[in-house]
Amino acid sequence: MKYAYEDLSPEQFEHLIVLVCQHLLGVSVKGFATGPDGGRDAKFHGTAELHPSTAKPWSGKVIVQAKHSNGYNRSFSETDFYREGGDSTVIGKEVPRIQALRIAKDLDHYMLFSNRRLTAGADADITKHIAQNTGLDESSVYLCGIETIEMLLKRFPQIASMAELDPIDSPLIVSSEELAIVVEAFARHRSVVGEAFDPPPTARTSYEEKNQLNNMSEDYAKDLRRKFLKETAQIKSFLGDPENLDILESYEATTEEFQGRIIAHRKDHQNFDAVMEYLLGLLFDRDAVLRQTKHKRLTRALLFYMYWNCDIGLSGDAEAE
């Protein structure tokens, strides 16, 4: 069994890593829980069964971290994960936590799993960085990337069946390719025609009613409208141009997928603020085109247009049906 790891929720990935660690360390590995500093750790205290080897196993307190990414083909080498002197990176934020655990005598060994590719060079650099900044020996730092996770699942095939990863429980995952086509095309269009002077189109359902139906907060809705309402006339004009029929088809494919996924995977308690921000974060994480600085605002504008135009989210017409 091979997972699309990027499509797992962080909780599903954590569950998988706990099962892996129970095979490597022992069945007493305790699952991920949020600590006082906000970090989520799994823990083991004892002598490991298999790691790093049966001849010389770790002994003491082991802290395990699982760092999940929704992005495709991500790497430990990317600057958001690690760069020298980068305090805001994943590793930069982890080092102070490890230091605090060391001071409290709650950590003798450290393991970090991620669904990213791990090259030998990145493994050596990050391991050395953690060791030098926390007082750990390099032999007590273990990094595990996607290649090794897959190898372990092949070695211990029972883990896959124990994981019971139900696709119905998967997060709200959408693809970004079609939207990237629309964003790039519209970005080129704007540079030619400039700003639109037509008034924005009227929402099919009033904005206030739609916000109530979708549980969007008043402050978030006002902020979206203030920032992006002026863009809607230009987007509507662009998509309605017969010369842009192929772009319209990409837009419609995007909204159909987004709407279907939102209906299937949105939690009952979530407000639509959270849905919008989750989708944006996911799109930026997954697509290099969309996360370009020049395209980020336009991506937000297009997502607002989808909502304003009743292509995503509940509308009055849908409720009447």
C-alpha atoms as a PDB file:
ATOM      1  CA  MET A   1       0.000   0.000   0.000  1.00  0.00           C
ATOM      2  CA  LYS A   2       1.377   3.397  -0.966  1.00  0.00           C
ATOM      3  CA  TYR A   3      -0.155   6.557   0.414  1.00  0.00           C
ATOM      4  CA  ALA A   4      -0.487   9.933  -1.219  1.00  0.00           C
ATOM      5  CA  TYR A   5       1.134  11.372   1.886  1.00  0.00           C
ATOM      6  CA  GLU A   6       0.405  14.963   0.901  1.00  0.00           C
ATOM      7  CA  ASP A   7      -3.326  14.133   0.924  1.00  0.00           C
ATOM      8  CA  LEU A   8      -3.289  12.888   4.503  1.00  0.00           C
ATOM      9  CA  SER A   9      -4.383  15.165   7.291  1.00  0.00           C
ATOM     10  CA  PRO A  10      -1.713  16.020   9.888  1.00  0.00           C
ATOM     11  CA  GLU A  11      -3.575  13.770  12.342  1.00  0.00           C
ATOM     12  CA  GLN A  12      -3.541  10.838   9.893  1.00  0.00           C
ATOM     13  CA  PHE A  13       0.178  11.334   9.282  1.00  0.00           C
ATOM     14  CA  GLU A  14       0.834  11.481  13.036  1.00  0.00           C
ATOM     15  CA  HIS A  15      -1.105   8.228  13.508  1.00  0.00           C
ATOM     16  CA  LEU A  16       1.016   6.572  10.826  1.00  0.00           C
ATOM     17  CA  ILE A  17       4.256   7.776  12.442  1.00  0.00           C
ATOM     18  CA  VAL A  18       3.181   6.513  15.888  1.00  0.00           C
ATOM     19  CA  LEU A  19       2.685   3.044  14.385  1.00  0.00           C
ATOM     20  CA  VAL A  20       6.102   3.220  12.702  1.00  0.00           C
ATOM     21  CA  CYS A  21       7.732   4.281  15.982  1.00  0.00           C
ATOM     22  CA  GLN A  22       5.999   1.509  17.909  1.00  0.00           C
ATOM     23  CA  HIS A  23       7.771  -0.940  15.618  1.00  0.00           C
ATOM     24  CA  LEU A  24      11.125   0.827  15.849  1.00  0.00           C
ATOM     25  CA  LEU A  25      11.097   1.732  19.542  1.00  0.00           C
ATOM     26  CA  GLY A  26       8.393  -0.284  21.289  1.00  0.00           C
ATOM     27  CA  VAL A  27       4.659  -0.513  21.817  1.00  0.00           C
ATOM     28  CA  SER A  28       4.804   1.965  24.702  1.00  0.00           C
ATOM     29  CA  VAL A  29       5.250   4.902  22.329  1.00  0.00           C
ATOM     30  CA  LYS A  30       2.647   7.454  23.389  1.00  0.00           C
ATOM     31  CA  GLY A  31       0.774   9.205  20.592  1.00  0.00           C
ATOM     32  CA  PHE A  32       1.017  12.855  19.669  1.00  0.00           C
ATOM     33  CA  ALA A  33      -0.279  15.325  22.213  1.00  0.00           C
ATOM     34  CA  THR A  34      -0.076  19.106  22.357  1.00  0.00           C
ATOM     35  CA  GLY A  35       2.434  20.316  24.914  1.00  0.00           C
ATOM     36  CA  PRO A  36       2.477  23.564  26.917  1.00  0.00           C
ATOM     37  CA  ASP A  37       4.522  25.251  24.170  1.00  0.00           C
ATOM     38  CA  GLY A  38       2.015  24.312  21.472  1.00  0.00           C
ATOM     39  CA  GLY A  39       4.212  21.624  19.916  1.00  0.00           C
ATOM     40  CA  ARG A  40       2.826  18.141  19.294  1.00  0.00           C
ATOM     41  CA  ASP A  41       5.163  15.355  20.435  1.00  0.00           C
ATOM     42  CA  ALA A  42       5.040  11.589  20.621  1.00  0.00           C
ATOM     43  CA  LYS A  43       7.101  10.092  23.439  1.00  0.00           C
ATOM     44  CA  PHE A  44       8.934   6.920  24.368  1.00  0.00           C
ATOM     45  CA  HIS A  45      10.823   6.114  27.578  1.00  0.00           C
ATOM     46  CA  GLY A  46      12.862   2.934  27.745  1.00  0.00           C
ATOM     47  CA  THR A  47      15.209   0.900  25.569  1.00  0.00           C
ATOM     48  CA  ALA A  48      14.384   0.808  21.872  1.00  0.00           C
ATOM     49  CA  GLU A  49      13.725  -2.552  20.259  1.00  0.00           C
ATOM     50  CA  LEU A  50      15.211  -1.870  16.813  1.00  0.00           C
ATOM     51  CA  HIS A  51      16.488   1.702  16.569  1.00  0.00           C
ATOM     52  CA  PRO A  52      19.123   2.505  15.559  1.00  0.00           C
ATOM     53  CA  SER A  53      20.041  -1.198  15.788  1.00  0.00           C
ATOM     54  CA  THR A  54      19.385  -4.203  17.999  1.00  0.00           C
ATOM     55  CA  ALA A  55      23.090  -4.294  18.862  1.00  0.00           C
ATOM     56  CA  LYS A  56      23.206  -0.696  20.104  1.00  0.00           C
ATOM     57  CA  PRO A  57      19.664   0.559  20.749  1.00  0.00           C
ATOM     58  CA  TRP A  58      18.750   3.980  22.082  1.00  0.00           C
ATOM     59  CA  SER A  59      17.959   4.107  25.788  1.00  0.00           C
ATOM     60  CA  GLY A  60      16.253   6.924  27.655  1.00  0.00           C
ATOM     61  CA  LYS A  61      13.634   9.507  26.732  1.00  0.00           C
ATOM     62  CA  VAL A  62      12.818   9.838  23.041  1.00  0.00           C
ATOM     63  CA  ILE A  63      10.787  12.709  21.609  1.00  0.00           C
ATOM     64  CA  VAL A  64       9.214  12.221  18.169  1.00  0.00           C
ATOM     65  CA  GLN A  65       8.024  14.976  15.848  1.00  0.00           C
ATOM     66  CA  ALA A  66       5.917  14.544  12.667  1.00  0.00           C
ATOM     67  CA  LYS A  67       6.044  17.421  10.199  1.00  0.00           C
ATOM     68  CA  HIS A  68       3.418  17.002   7.498  1.00  0.00           C
ATOM     69  CA  SER A  69       3.247  19.031   4.286  1.00  0.00           C
ATOM     70  CA  ASN A  70       0.334  19.282   1.838  1.00  0.00           C
ATOM     71  CA  GLY A  71       2.745  20.209  -0.938  1.00  0.00           C
ATOM     72  CA  TYR A  72       3.837  17.894  -3.740  1.00  0.00           C
ATOM     73  CA  ASN A  73       7.438  16.706  -3.936  1.00  0.00           C
ATOM     74  CA  ARG A  74       8.672  18.834  -1.036  1.00  0.00           C
ATOM     75  CA  SER A  75      12.160  18.532   0.404  1.00  0.00           C
ATOM     76  CA  PHE A  76      14.032  18.938   3.693  1.00  0.00           C
ATOM     77  CA  SER A  77      16.379  21.197   1.716  1.00  0.00           C
ATOM     78  CA  GLU A  78      13.778  23.893   1.026  1.00  0.00           C
ATOM     79  CA  THR A  79      14.354  27.162   2.831  1.00  0.00           C
ATOM     80  CA  ASP A  80      10.996  27.059   4.632  1.00  0.00           C
ATOM     81  CA  PHE A  81      12.174  23.862   6.334  1.00  0.00           C
ATOM     82  CA  TYR A  82      15.821  24.645   7.048  1.00  0.00           C
ATOM     83  CA  ARG A  83      18.371  27.333   6.324  1.00  0.00           C
ATOM     84  CA  GLU A  84      21.336  28.427   8.377  1.00  0.00           C
ATOM     85  CA  GLY A  85      20.302  31.238  10.692  1.00  0.00           C
ATOM     86  CA  GLY A  86      16.615  30.856   9.802  1.00  0.00           C
ATOM     87  CA  ASP A  87      14.733  31.113  13.099  1.00  0.00           C
ATOM     88  CA  SER A  88      11.312  31.054  11.385  1.00  0.00           C
ATOM     89  CA  THR A  89      11.914  27.778   9.531  1.00  0.00           C
ATOM     90  CA  VAL A  90      10.554  24.424  10.709  1.00  0.00           C
ATOM     91  CA  ILE A  91      13.934  23.476  12.148  1.00  0.00           C
ATOM     92  CA  GLY A  92      14.544  26.995  13.464  1.00  0.00           C
ATOM     93  CA  LYS A  93      11.364  26.734  15.540  1.00  0.00           C
ATOM     94  CA  GLU A  94      12.179  23.214  16.713  1.00  0.00           C
ATOM     95  CA  VAL A  95      15.639  23.950  18.130  1.00  0.00           C
ATOM     96  CA  PRO A  96      14.399  26.096  21.093  1.00  0.00           C
ATOM     97  CA  ARG A  97      11.833  23.405  21.937  1.00  0.00           C
ATOM     98  CA  ILE A  98      14.538  20.732  21.973  1.00  0.00           C
ATOM     99  CA  GLN A  99      16.735  22.986  24.120  1.00  0.00           C
ATOM    100  CA  ALA A 100      13.910  23.462  26.637  1.00  0.00           C
ATOM    101  CA  LEU A 101      13.220  19.714  26.786  1.00  0.00           C
ATOM    102  CA  ARG A 102      16.929  19.043  27.323  1.00  0.00           C
ATOM    103  CA  ILE A 103      17.066  21.542  30.184  1.00  0.00           C
ATOM    104  CA  ALA A 104      14.022  19.892  31.758  1.00  0.00           C
ATOM    105  CA  LYS A 105      15.716  16.473  31.322  1.00  0.00           C
ATOM    106  CA  ASP A 106      12.786  15.288  29.213  1.00  0.00           C
ATOM    107  CA  LEU A 107      14.789  14.426  26.087  1.00  0.00           C
ATOM    108  CA  ASP A 108      17.775  12.159  25.434  1.00  0.00           C
ATOM    109  CA  HIS A 109      17.112  11.385  21.765  1.00  0.00           C
ATOM    110  CA  TYR A 110      15.189  13.193  19.028  1.00  0.00           C
ATOM    111  CA  MET A 111      13.375  11.868  15.945  1.00  0.00           C
ATOM    112  CA  LEU A 112      11.760  13.943  13.190  1.00  0.00           C
ATOM    113  CA  PHE A 113       9.610  12.398  10.461  1.00  0.00           C
ATOM    114  CA  SER A 114       8.328  14.304   7.437  1.00  0.00           C
ATOM    115  CA  ASN A 115       6.669  13.479   4.122  1.00  0.00           C
ATOM    116  CA  ARG A 116       9.508  15.324   2.359  1.00  0.00           C
ATOM    117  CA  ARG A 117      12.495  14.003   0.434  1.00  0.00           C
ATOM    118  CA  LEU A 118      15.675  13.826   2.501  1.00  0.00           C
ATOM    119  CA  THR A 119      19.021  13.919   0.707  1.00  0.00           C
ATOM    120  CA  ALA A 120      22.222  12.787   2.373  1.00  0.00           C
ATOM    121  CA  GLY A 121      23.533  16.356   2.354  1.00  0.00           C
ATOM    122  CA  ALA A 122      20.444  17.795   4.017  1.00  0.00           C
ATOM    123  CA  ASP A 123      20.436  14.946   6.539  1.00  0.00           C
ATOM    124  CA  ALA A 124      24.031  15.705   7.542  1.00  0.00           C
ATOM    125  CA  ASP A 125      23.547  19.489   7.665  1.00  0.00           C
ATOM    126  CA  ILE A 126      20.330  19.470   9.689  1.00  0.00           C
ATOM    127  CA  THR A 127      21.526  16.747  12.063  1.00  0.00           C
ATOM    128  CA  LYS A 128      24.725  18.702  12.740  1.00  0.00           C
ATOM    129  CA  HIS A 129      22.774  21.936  13.247  1.00  0.00           C
ATOM    130  CA  ILE A 130      20.401  20.357  15.775  1.00  0.00           C
ATOM    131  CA  ALA A 131      23.219  18.657  17.636  1.00  0.00           C
ATOM    132  CA  GLN A 132      25.408  21.749  17.861  1.00  0.00           C
ATOM    133  CA  ASN A 133      22.543  23.934  19.095  1.00  0.00           C
ATOM    134  CA  THR A 134      21.015  21.556  21.629  1.00  0.00           C
ATOM    135  CA  GLY A 135      23.923  19.636  23.114  1.00  0.00           C
ATOM    136  CA  LEU A 136      22.697  16.339  21.686  1.00  0.00           C
ATOM    137  CA  ASP A 137      25.150  13.934  20.140  1.00  0.00           C
ATOM    138  CA  GLU A 138      24.615  13.565  16.402  1.00  0.00           C
ATOM    139  CA  SER A 139      23.973   9.852  16.974  1.00  0.00           C
ATOM    140  CA  SER A 140      20.934  10.868  19.070  1.00  0.00           C
ATOM    141  CA  VAL A 141      19.304  12.845  16.247  1.00  0.00           C
ATOM    142  CA  TYR A 142      17.344  10.929  13.605  1.00  0.00           C
ATOM    143  CA  LEU A 143      15.688  12.469  10.553  1.00  0.00           C
ATOM    144  CA  CYS A 144      13.345  10.376   8.429  1.00  0.00           C
ATOM    145  CA  GLY A 145      12.066  11.392   4.994  1.00  0.00           C
ATOM    146  CA  ILE A 146       9.516   9.967   2.621  1.00  0.00           C
ATOM    147  CA  GLU A 147      11.878   7.420   1.060  1.00  0.00           C
ATOM    148  CA  THR A 148      12.668   5.815   4.410  1.00  0.00           C
ATOM    149  CA  ILE A 149       9.034   5.898   5.522  1.00  0.00           C
ATOM    150  CA  GLU A 150       8.078   3.943   2.404  1.00  0.00           C
ATOM    151  CA  MET A 151      10.925   1.486   3.020  1.00  0.00           C
ATOM    152  CA  LEU A 152       9.736   0.934   6.588  1.00  0.00           C
ATOM    153  CA  LEU A 153       6.164   0.332   5.422  1.00  0.00           C
ATOM    154  CA  LYS A 154       7.464  -2.322   3.030  1.00  0.00           C
ATOM    155  CA  ARG A 155       9.518  -3.914   5.794  1.00  0.00           C
ATOM    156  CA  PHE A 156       6.588  -3.822   8.217  1.00  0.00           C
ATOM    157  CA  PRO A 157       3.524  -4.244   5.949  1.00  0.00           C
ATOM    158  CA  GLN A 158       1.258  -4.697   8.968  1.00  0.00           C
ATOM    159  CA  ILE A 159       1.616  -0.968   9.695  1.00  0.00           C
ATOM    160  CA  ALA A 160      -0.332  -0.108   6.550  1.00  0.00           C
ATOM    161  CA  SER A 161      -3.311  -2.229   7.565  1.00  0.00           C
ATOM    162  CA  MET A 162      -3.151  -0.981  11.167  1.00  0.00           C
ATOM    163  CA  ALA A 163      -3.199   2.649   9.980  1.00  0.00           C
ATOM    164  CA  GLU A 164      -6.767   2.268   8.615  1.00  0.00           C
ATOM    165  CA  LEU A 165      -6.577   5.520   6.718  1.00  0.00           C
ATOM    166  CA  ASP A 166     -10.131   6.082   5.544  1.00  0.00           C
ATOM    167  CA  PRO A 167     -10.401   8.432   2.537  1.00  0.00           C
ATOM    168  CA  ILE A 168     -13.702   9.690   3.920  1.00  0.00           C
ATOM    169  CA  ASP A 169     -11.753  11.096   6.872  1.00  0.00           C
ATOM    170  CA  SER A 170      -9.214  12.823   4.648  1.00  0.00           C
ATOM    171  CA  PRO A 171      -8.920  16.618   4.739  1.00  0.00           C
ATOM    172  CA  LEU A 172     -10.345  19.119   2.289  1.00  0.00           C
ATOM    173  CA  ILE A 173      -7.758  18.597  -0.482  1.00  0.00           C
ATOM    174  CA  VAL A 174      -8.048  20.268  -3.887  1.00  0.00           C
ATOM    175  CA  SER A 175      -5.761  20.328  -6.908  1.00  0.00           C
ATOM    176  CA  SER A 176      -4.223  23.587  -8.068  1.00  0.00           C
ATOM    177  CA  GLU A 177      -3.335  23.022 -11.727  1.00  0.00           C
ATOM    178  CA  GLU A 178      -6.516  24.397 -13.338  1.00  0.00           C
ATOM    179  CA  LEU A 179      -6.576  27.453 -11.066  1.00  0.00           C
ATOM    180  CA  ALA A 180      -2.923  28.178 -11.888  1.00  0.00           C
ATOM    181  CA  ILE A 181      -3.890  28.263 -15.579  1.00  0.00           C
ATOM    182  CA  VAL A 182      -6.603  30.845 -14.848  1.00  0.00           C
ATOM    183  CA  VAL A 183      -4.345  32.940 -12.626  1.00  0.00           C
ATOM    184  CA  GLU A 184      -1.498  33.068 -15.142  1.00  0.00           C
ATOM    185  CA  ALA A 185      -3.840  33.899 -18.037  1.00  0.00           C
ATOM    186  CA  PHE A 186      -5.658  36.605 -16.098  1.00  0.00           C
ATOM    187  CA  ALA A 187      -2.372  38.090 -14.907  1.00  0.00           C
ATOM    188  CA  ARG A 188      -1.306  38.500 -18.542  1.00  0.00           C
ATOM    189  CA  HIS A 189      -4.720  39.951 -19.407  1.00  0.00           C
ATOM    190  CA  ARG A 190      -4.559  42.588 -16.677  1.00  0.00           C
ATOM    191  CA  SER A 191      -1.214  43.883 -17.855  1.00  0.00           C
ATOM    192  CA  VAL A 192      -2.796  44.641 -21.241  1.00  0.00           C
ATOM    193  CA  VAL A 193      -6.189  46.124 -20.360  1.00  0.00           C
ATOM    194  CA  GLY A 194      -5.449  47.787 -17.032  1.00  0.00           C
ATOM    195  CA  GLU A 195      -8.146  48.413 -14.453  1.00  0.00           C
ATOM    196  CA  ALA A 196     -11.819  47.825 -15.163  1.00  0.00           C
ATOM    197  CA  PHE A 197     -14.210  50.729 -14.651  1.00  0.00           C
ATOM    198  CA  ASP A 198     -17.443  48.747 -14.797  1.00  0.00           C
ATOM    199  CA  PRO A 199     -19.333  48.347 -11.539  1.00  0.00           C
ATOM    200  CA  PRO A 200     -18.942  44.914  -9.924  1.00  0.00           C
ATOM    201  CA  PRO A 201     -21.576  42.343 -10.880  1.00  0.00           C
ATOM    202  CA  THR A 202     -24.451  41.714  -8.514  1.00  0.00           C
ATOM    203  CA  ALA A 203     -24.018  38.562  -6.457  1.00  0.00           C
ATOM    204  CA  ARG A 204     -26.565  35.861  -7.360  1.00  0.00           C
ATOM    205  CA  THR A 205     -27.423  35.635  -3.679  1.00  0.00           C
ATOM    206  CA  SER A 206     -27.012  38.783  -1.606  1.00  0.00           C
ATOM    207  CA  TYR A 207     -23.638  38.895   0.076  1.00  0.00           C
ATOM    208  CA  GLU A 208     -25.191  39.244   3.520  1.00  0.00           C
ATOM    209  CA  GLU A 209     -27.483  36.244   3.003  1.00  0.00           C
ATOM    210  CA  LYS A 210     -24.663  34.129   1.611  1.00  0.00           C
ATOM    211  CA  ASN A 211     -22.455  34.970   4.584  1.00  0.00           C
ATOM    212  CA  GLN A 212     -25.189  33.848   6.969  1.00  0.00           C
ATOM    213  CA  LEU A 213     -25.784  30.616   5.062  1.00  0.00           C
ATOM    214  CA  ASN A 214     -22.080  29.790   5.090  1.00  0.00           C
ATOM    215  CA  ASN A 215     -21.291  31.015   8.586  1.00  0.00           C
ATOM    216  CA  MET A 216     -18.745  33.582   7.423  1.00  0.00           C
ATOM    217  CA  SER A 217     -17.887  36.129  10.091  1.00  0.00           C
ATOM    218  CA  GLU A 218     -18.867  39.754   9.534  1.00  0.00           C
ATOM    219  CA  ASP A 219     -15.325  41.088   9.939  1.00  0.00           C
ATOM    220  CA  TYR A 220     -13.842  38.549   7.504  1.00  0.00           C
ATOM    221  CA  ALA A 221     -16.588  39.194   4.949  1.00  0.00           C
ATOM    222  CA  LYS A 222     -16.080  42.974   5.149  1.00  0.00           C
ATOM    223  CA  ASP A 223     -12.334  42.576   4.703  1.00  0.00           C
ATOM    224  CA  LEU A 224     -12.762  40.382   1.620  1.00  0.00           C
ATOM    225  CA  ARG A 225     -15.264  42.772   0.082  1.00  0.00           C
ATOM    226  CA  ARG A 226     -13.079  45.812   0.720  1.00  0.00           C
ATOM    227  CA  LYS A 227      -9.995  44.198  -0.797  1.00  0.00           C
ATOM    228  CA  PHE A 228     -11.384  42.276  -3.749  1.00  0.00           C
ATOM    229  CA  LEU A 229     -14.852  43.511  -4.803  1.00  0.00           C
ATOM    230  CA  LYS A 230     -13.328  45.925  -7.312  1.00  0.00           C
ATOM    231  CA  GLU A 231     -11.648  42.947  -9.039  1.00  0.00           C
ATOM    232  CA  THR A 232     -14.900  41.083  -9.738  1.00  0.00           C
ATOM    233  CA  ALA A 233     -15.988  43.126 -12.778  1.00  0.00           C
ATOM    234  CA  GLN A 234     -12.661  42.545 -14.493  1.00  0.00           C
ATOM    235  CA  ILE A 235     -12.686  38.833 -13.701  1.00  0.00           C
ATOM    236  CA  LYS A 236     -16.265  38.481 -14.982  1.00  0.00           C
ATOM    237  CA  SER A 237     -15.390  40.349 -18.182  1.00  0.00           C
ATOM    238  CA  PHE A 238     -12.288  38.224 -18.713  1.00  0.00           C
ATOM    239  CA  LEU A 239     -14.089  34.910 -18.213  1.00  0.00           C
ATOM    240  CA  GLY A 240     -16.983  36.028 -20.418  1.00  0.00           C
ATOM    241  CA  ASP A 241     -14.756  36.875 -23.390  1.00  0.00           C
ATOM    242  CA  PRO A 242     -15.334  34.254 -26.143  1.00  0.00           C
ATOM    243  CA  GLU A 243     -11.586  34.254 -26.821  1.00  0.00           C
ATOM    244  CA  ASN A 244     -11.044  32.921 -23.311  1.00  0.00           C
ATOM    245  CA  LEU A 245     -13.323  29.895 -23.579  1.00  0.00           C
ATOM    246  CA  ASP A 246     -10.511  27.490 -22.650  1.00  0.00           C
ATOM    247  CA  ILE A 247      -9.730  29.591 -19.570  1.00  0.00           C
ATOM    248  CA  LEU A 248     -13.428  29.598 -18.607  1.00  0.00           C
ATOM    249  CA  GLU A 249     -13.404  25.809 -18.855  1.00  0.00           C
ATOM    250  CA  SER A 250     -10.437  25.664 -16.472  1.00  0.00           C
ATOM    251  CA  TYR A 251     -12.244  28.029 -14.107  1.00  0.00           C
ATOM    252  CA  GLU A 252     -15.407  25.902 -14.189  1.00  0.00           C
ATOM    253  CA  ALA A 253     -13.412  22.709 -13.616  1.00  0.00           C
ATOM    254  CA  THR A 254     -11.775  24.389 -10.618  1.00  0.00           C
ATOM    255  CA  THR A 255     -15.024  25.587  -9.046  1.00  0.00           C
ATOM    256  CA  GLU A 256     -16.758  22.241  -9.581  1.00  0.00           C
ATOM    257  CA  GLU A 257     -13.923  20.443  -7.804  1.00  0.00           C
ATOM    258  CA  PHE A 258     -13.708  23.007  -5.000  1.00  0.00           C
ATOM    259  CA  GLN A 259     -17.456  22.964  -4.388  1.00  0.00           C
ATOM    260  CA  GLY A 260     -17.635  19.175  -4.351  1.00  0.00           C
ATOM    261  CA  ARG A 261     -14.721  18.894  -1.952  1.00  0.00           C
ATOM    262  CA  ILE A 262     -16.074  21.626   0.324  1.00  0.00           C
ATOM    263  CA  ILE A 263     -19.454  19.892   0.544  1.00  0.00           C
ATOM    264  CA  ALA A 264     -17.859  16.497   1.211  1.00  0.00           C
ATOM    265  CA  HIS A 265     -15.144  17.498   3.676  1.00  0.00           C
ATOM    266  CA  ARG A 266     -16.143  20.703   5.406  1.00  0.00           C
ATOM    267  CA  LYS A 267     -16.736  20.097   9.090  1.00  0.00           C
ATOM    268  CA  ASP A 268     -20.125  21.149  10.451  1.00  0.00           C
ATOM    269  CA  HIS A 269     -18.608  23.510  13.017  1.00  0.00           C
ATOM    270  CA  GLN A 270     -16.259  25.328  10.629  1.00  0.00           C
ATOM    271  CA  ASN A 271     -16.998  28.862   9.590  1.00  0.00           C
ATOM    272  CA  PHE A 272     -16.247  29.796   6.005  1.00  0.00           C
ATOM    273  CA  ASP A 273     -13.383  32.047   7.096  1.00  0.00           C
ATOM    274  CA  ALA A 274     -11.492  28.862   8.007  1.00  0.00           C
ATOM    275  CA  VAL A 275     -12.434  27.182   4.716  1.00  0.00           C
ATOM    276  CA  MET A 276     -11.183  30.120   2.647  1.00  0.00           C
ATOM    277  CA  GLU A 277      -7.912  30.438   4.553  1.00  0.00           C
ATOM    278  CA  TYR A 278      -7.345  26.681   4.483  1.00  0.00           C
ATOM    279  CA  LEU A 279      -7.859  26.569   0.719  1.00  0.00           C
ATOM    280  CA  LEU A 280      -5.494  29.490   0.166  1.00  0.00           C
ATOM    281  CA  GLY A 281      -2.817  27.951   2.356  1.00  0.00           C
ATOM    282  CA  LEU A 282      -3.191  24.632   0.576  1.00  0.00           C
ATOM    283  CA  LEU A 283      -3.019  26.209  -2.888  1.00  0.00           C
ATOM    284  CA  PHE A 284       0.050  28.272  -2.056  1.00  0.00           C
ATOM    285  CA  ASP A 285       1.726  25.244  -0.513  1.00  0.00           C
ATOM    286  CA  ARG A 286       1.010  23.010  -3.475  1.00  0.00           C
ATOM    287  CA  ASP A 287       1.667  25.253  -6.461  1.00  0.00           C
ATOM    288  CA  ALA A 288       4.795  27.270  -7.231  1.00  0.00           C
ATOM    289  CA  VAL A 289       2.878  29.466  -9.696  1.00  0.00           C
ATOM    290  CA  LEU A 290       0.217  30.478  -7.185  1.00  0.00           C
ATOM    291  CA  ARG A 291       2.668  31.228  -4.376  1.00  0.00           C
ATOM    292  CA  GLN A 292       4.649  33.672  -6.494  1.00  0.00           C
ATOM    293  CA  THR A 293       4.328  37.109  -4.913  1.00  0.00           C
ATOM    294  CA  LYS A 294       2.797  38.600  -8.061  1.00  0.00           C
ATOM    295  CA  HIS A 295       0.109  35.891  -8.166  1.00  0.00           C
ATOM    296  CA  LYS A 296      -0.839  35.584  -4.489  1.00  0.00           C
ATOM    297  CA  ARG A 297      -3.223  38.538  -4.419  1.00  0.00           C
ATOM    298  CA  LEU A 298      -4.825  37.479  -7.683  1.00  0.00           C
ATOM    299  CA  THR A 299      -5.374  33.974  -6.318  1.00  0.00           C
ATOM    300  CA  ARG A 300      -7.160  35.489  -3.312  1.00  0.00           C
ATOM    301  CA  ALA A 301      -9.218  37.687  -5.644  1.00  0.00           C
ATOM    302  CA  LEU A 302     -10.283  34.705  -7.758  1.00  0.00           C
ATOM    303  CA  LEU A 303     -11.264  32.700  -4.695  1.00  0.00           C
ATOM    304  CA  PHE A 304     -13.359  35.653  -3.506  1.00  0.00           C
ATOM    305  CA  TYR A 305     -14.963  35.866  -6.966  1.00  0.00           C
ATOM    306  CA  MET A 306     -15.908  32.169  -6.748  1.00  0.00           C
ATOM    307  CA  TYR A 307     -17.619  32.869  -3.443  1.00  0.00           C
ATOM    308  CA  TRP A 308     -19.203  36.167  -4.571  1.00  0.00           C
ATOM    309  CA  ASN A 309     -20.488  34.535  -7.770  1.00  0.00           C
ATOM    310  CA  CYS A 310     -21.970  31.614  -5.772  1.00  0.00           C
ATOM    311  CA  ASP A 311     -19.695  29.076  -7.454  1.00  0.00           C
ATOM    312  CA  ILE A 312     -18.517  27.819  -4.065  1.00  0.00           C
ATOM    313  CA  GLY A 313     -20.350  27.734  -0.759  1.00  0.00           C
ATOM    314  CA  LEU A 314     -24.073  27.596  -0.073  1.00  0.00           C
ATOM    315  CA  SER A 315     -26.372  30.025  -1.862  1.00  0.00           C
ATOM    316  CA  GLY A 316     -30.002  30.996  -1.519  1.00  0.00           C
ATOM    317  CA  ASP A 317     -30.893  29.090  -4.673  1.00  0.00           C
ATOM    318  CA  ALA A 318     -29.327  25.933  -3.328  1.00  0.00           C
ATOM    319  CA  GLU A 319     -31.232  26.266  -0.080  1.00  0.00           C
ATOM    320  CA  ALA A 320     -34.511  26.762  -1.963  1.00  0.00           C
ATOM    321  CA  GLU A 321     -33.922  23.572  -3.917  1.00  0.00           C
END
